[in-house]
Amino acid sequence: VLLALLTCVLTVLPDASDRMHRILWMIVLFGAGLLLLQLANAAGWFTLGGIDPWYWDRMRGWSDNPNQFALLCLLIGFLAVALAERAEGFGRKLLASACAAVGLGTGILAKSNAFSAVFITGLLFFAISKLGRAFARAEKRGFPAGALIVVVVSALGWAVCVIGPIVDLRIDALKATSTMARDGDA
């Protein structure tokens, strides 16, 4: 069903942006609702015959294995982030952000290394694209992007110097993803 819905979203026709936006909302709301039902099932609020939502300490929901479940959560979470980015009005942005939190938060319970790596990489790409758009907007307003890059790098360096003694920043990216996947309960 999810593949059929995504195929509908990827079909490009003239004046299809409103239809695609509406279908994305349906996918995200339906997906977040199903993830909430799977969370309720995993919490023991109700049971389904023959379905165990846990694989040892990893949540698998109604999937065969936790990695499939984590990638479904990742898909719903990232689609919701895209909707939150494009949504108009505070209520819609809040609803899309809540759906993103449900999708990405539930995916962490699967304790999948692939989920952790894609989640962290996706957030980094998202932040880089936001910075790129901010640089382009600043460049259009007459502020040189090179100067903005120097300002941002200087601000980050200052923040690291200030936060360094408080927070241990010695974790590298691969170690962070593996510990996030293995120590998800913490």
Protein backbone atom coordinates (compact mmCIF):
# COMPACT_ATOMS: atom_id res chain seq x y z
CA VAL A 1 0.00 0.00 0.00
CA LEU A 2 2.82 2.39 0.86
CA LEU A 3 4.54 1.68 -2.47
CA ALA A 4 1.30 2.42 -4.35
CA LEU A 5 0.89 5.70 -2.47
CA LEU A 6 4.48 6.73 -3.16
CA THR A 7 4.00 5.90 -6.84
CA CYS A 8 1.04 8.27 -6.87
CA VAL A 9 3.21 10.96 -5.32
CA LEU A 10 6.01 10.44 -7.82
CA THR A 11 3.70 10.66 -10.84
CA VAL A 12 4.29 14.10 -12.30
CA LEU A 13 1.49 15.67 -14.28
CA PRO A 14 0.75 19.28 -15.18
CA ASP A 15 -0.57 21.18 -12.16
CA ALA A 16 0.04 18.16 -9.93
CA SER A 17 1.63 20.00 -7.00
CA ASP A 18 -1.65 20.40 -5.07
CA ARG A 19 -2.57 16.74 -5.61
CA MET A 20 0.92 15.60 -4.60
CA HIS A 21 0.83 17.79 -1.49
CA ARG A 22 -2.56 16.35 -0.49
CA ILE A 23 -1.34 12.76 -1.06
CA LEU A 24 1.78 13.45 1.02
CA TRP A 25 -0.44 14.68 3.86
CA MET A 26 -2.53 11.51 3.62
CA ILE A 27 0.57 9.29 3.64
CA VAL A 28 2.10 11.06 6.62
CA LEU A 29 -1.10 11.18 8.69
CA PHE A 30 -2.02 7.57 7.88
CA GLY A 31 1.56 6.40 8.53
CA ALA A 32 1.90 8.28 11.82
CA GLY A 33 -1.49 6.91 12.92
CA LEU A 34 -0.39 3.36 12.16
CA LEU A 35 2.89 3.90 13.98
CA LEU A 36 0.95 5.13 17.03
CA LEU A 37 -1.18 1.98 16.87
CA GLN A 38 1.97 -0.14 16.69
CA LEU A 39 3.41 1.74 19.67
CA ALA A 40 0.20 1.07 21.61
CA ASN A 41 0.44 -2.62 20.67
CA ALA A 42 4.09 -2.71 21.76
CA ALA A 43 3.19 -1.05 25.06
CA GLY A 44 0.63 -3.78 25.70
CA TRP A 45 -2.48 -1.59 25.50
CA PHE A 46 -4.00 -4.16 23.14
CA THR A 47 -2.88 -7.42 21.58
CA LEU A 48 -3.19 -8.86 18.12
CA GLY A 49 -3.20 -12.61 17.75
CA GLY A 50 0.03 -14.02 16.37
CA ILE A 51 1.83 -10.67 16.27
CA ASP A 52 4.72 -9.93 18.61
CA PRO A 53 5.88 -6.33 18.11
CA TRP A 54 9.24 -6.99 19.78
CA TYR A 55 12.26 -8.90 18.52
CA TRP A 56 14.22 -9.28 21.73
CA ASP A 57 14.71 -5.65 22.80
CA ARG A 58 14.18 -4.20 19.31
CA MET A 59 10.76 -3.01 18.22
CA ARG A 60 9.61 -4.46 14.92
CA GLY A 61 5.98 -3.43 15.05
CA TRP A 62 3.94 -5.41 12.57
CA SER A 63 6.93 -6.06 10.27
CA ASP A 64 8.99 -9.21 9.91
CA ASN A 65 12.16 -7.62 11.23
CA PRO A 66 13.19 -4.40 13.01
CA ASN A 67 15.20 -3.05 10.05
CA GLN A 68 12.14 -3.03 7.77
CA PHE A 69 10.18 -1.28 10.50
CA ALA A 70 12.95 1.28 11.05
CA LEU A 71 13.13 2.16 7.36
CA LEU A 72 9.34 2.61 7.24
CA CYS A 73 9.60 4.96 10.24
CA LEU A 74 12.42 6.81 8.51
CA LEU A 75 10.35 7.26 5.37
CA ILE A 76 7.34 8.58 7.25
CA GLY A 77 9.54 10.81 9.42
CA PHE A 78 11.42 12.39 6.51
CA LEU A 79 8.21 12.92 4.51
CA ALA A 80 6.75 14.66 7.56
CA VAL A 81 9.86 16.85 7.85
CA ALA A 82 9.41 17.82 4.20
CA LEU A 83 5.77 18.68 4.86
CA ALA A 84 6.67 20.71 7.95
CA GLU A 85 9.09 22.65 5.78
CA ARG A 86 6.43 23.46 3.16
CA ALA A 87 3.35 23.77 5.39
CA GLU A 88 1.57 27.09 5.67
CA GLY A 89 0.25 28.09 9.05
CA PHE A 90 1.37 27.24 12.55
CA GLY A 91 -1.19 24.43 13.06
CA ARG A 92 -0.12 22.52 9.96
CA LYS A 93 3.57 22.96 10.76
CA LEU A 94 2.93 21.68 14.27
CA LEU A 95 0.95 18.67 12.99
CA ALA A 96 3.66 17.77 10.46
CA SER A 97 6.35 18.18 13.14
CA ALA A 98 4.40 15.90 15.49
CA CYS A 99 4.13 13.28 12.74
CA ALA A 100 7.89 13.59 12.12
CA ALA A 101 8.54 13.10 15.84
CA VAL A 102 6.32 10.01 15.88
CA GLY A 103 8.03 8.54 12.81
CA LEU A 104 11.61 9.25 13.76
CA GLY A 105 11.10 8.60 17.47
CA THR A 106 9.48 5.24 16.84
CA GLY A 107 12.29 4.29 14.46
CA ILE A 108 14.84 4.74 17.25
CA LEU A 109 13.10 1.92 19.16
CA ALA A 110 14.03 -0.49 16.34
CA LYS A 111 17.72 0.00 17.23
CA SER A 112 18.78 -0.32 13.60
CA ASN A 113 22.27 0.75 12.56
CA ALA A 114 21.00 1.60 9.07
CA PHE A 115 18.30 3.82 10.58
CA SER A 116 20.82 5.62 12.76
CA ALA A 117 23.26 6.21 9.91
CA VAL A 118 20.58 7.46 7.49
CA PHE A 119 18.90 9.54 10.21
CA ILE A 120 22.12 11.34 11.14
CA THR A 121 23.23 11.73 7.51
CA GLY A 122 19.78 12.98 6.51
CA LEU A 123 19.76 15.55 9.29
CA LEU A 124 23.23 16.73 8.26
CA PHE A 125 22.15 17.09 4.62
CA PHE A 126 19.02 18.93 5.75
CA ALA A 127 21.09 21.34 7.83
CA ILE A 128 23.56 21.87 4.97
CA SER A 129 20.73 22.57 2.52
CA LYS A 130 19.18 25.05 4.96
CA LEU A 131 22.54 26.81 5.30
CA GLY A 132 22.94 26.83 1.51
CA ARG A 133 19.54 28.45 1.08
CA ALA A 134 20.37 31.00 3.79
CA PHE A 135 23.65 31.81 2.00
CA ALA A 136 21.82 32.23 -1.32
CA ARG A 137 19.25 34.57 0.29
CA ALA A 138 22.03 36.57 1.93
CA GLU A 139 23.86 36.79 -1.39
CA LYS A 140 20.72 38.16 -3.08
CA ARG A 141 20.46 40.85 -0.38
CA GLY A 142 23.99 42.00 -1.16
CA PHE A 143 25.82 40.28 1.71
CA PRO A 144 28.71 38.24 0.25
CA ALA A 145 28.32 34.51 0.87
CA GLY A 146 32.04 34.19 1.57
CA ALA A 147 31.74 36.61 4.47
CA LEU A 148 28.69 34.73 5.74
CA ILE A 149 30.62 31.46 5.64
CA VAL A 150 33.44 33.03 7.69
CA VAL A 151 30.89 34.34 10.21
CA VAL A 152 29.18 30.94 10.54
CA VAL A 153 32.46 29.01 10.88
CA SER A 154 33.71 31.53 13.45
CA ALA A 155 30.47 31.26 15.41
CA LEU A 156 30.68 27.47 15.35
CA GLY A 157 34.30 27.59 16.52
CA TRP A 158 33.36 29.93 19.34
CA ALA A 159 30.43 27.67 20.34
CA VAL A 160 32.71 24.61 20.42
CA CYS A 161 35.19 26.46 22.63
CA VAL A 162 32.44 27.52 25.02
CA ILE A 163 30.63 24.17 25.10
CA GLY A 164 33.79 22.03 25.02
CA PRO A 165 34.44 21.97 28.77
CA ILE A 166 30.77 21.25 29.48
CA VAL A 167 30.08 18.54 26.93
CA ASP A 168 32.43 15.77 25.88
CA LEU A 169 32.74 16.22 22.11
CA ARG A 170 35.09 13.30 21.47
CA ILE A 171 32.48 10.97 19.89
CA ASP A 172 32.96 10.33 16.22
CA ALA A 173 30.13 9.84 13.75
CA LEU A 174 30.36 6.05 13.35
CA LYS A 175 30.65 5.47 17.07
CA ALA A 176 27.69 7.80 17.66
CA THR A 177 25.46 5.88 15.25
CA SER A 178 26.37 2.51 16.68
CA THR A 179 25.86 3.61 20.28
CA MET A 180 22.59 5.28 19.39
CA ALA A 181 21.38 2.05 17.84
CA ARG A 182 22.60 -0.16 20.67
CA ASP A 183 21.76 2.11 23.61
CA GLY A 184 18.39 3.35 22.38
CA ASP A 185 16.76 2.80 25.77
CA ALA A 186 19.16 5.25 27.42
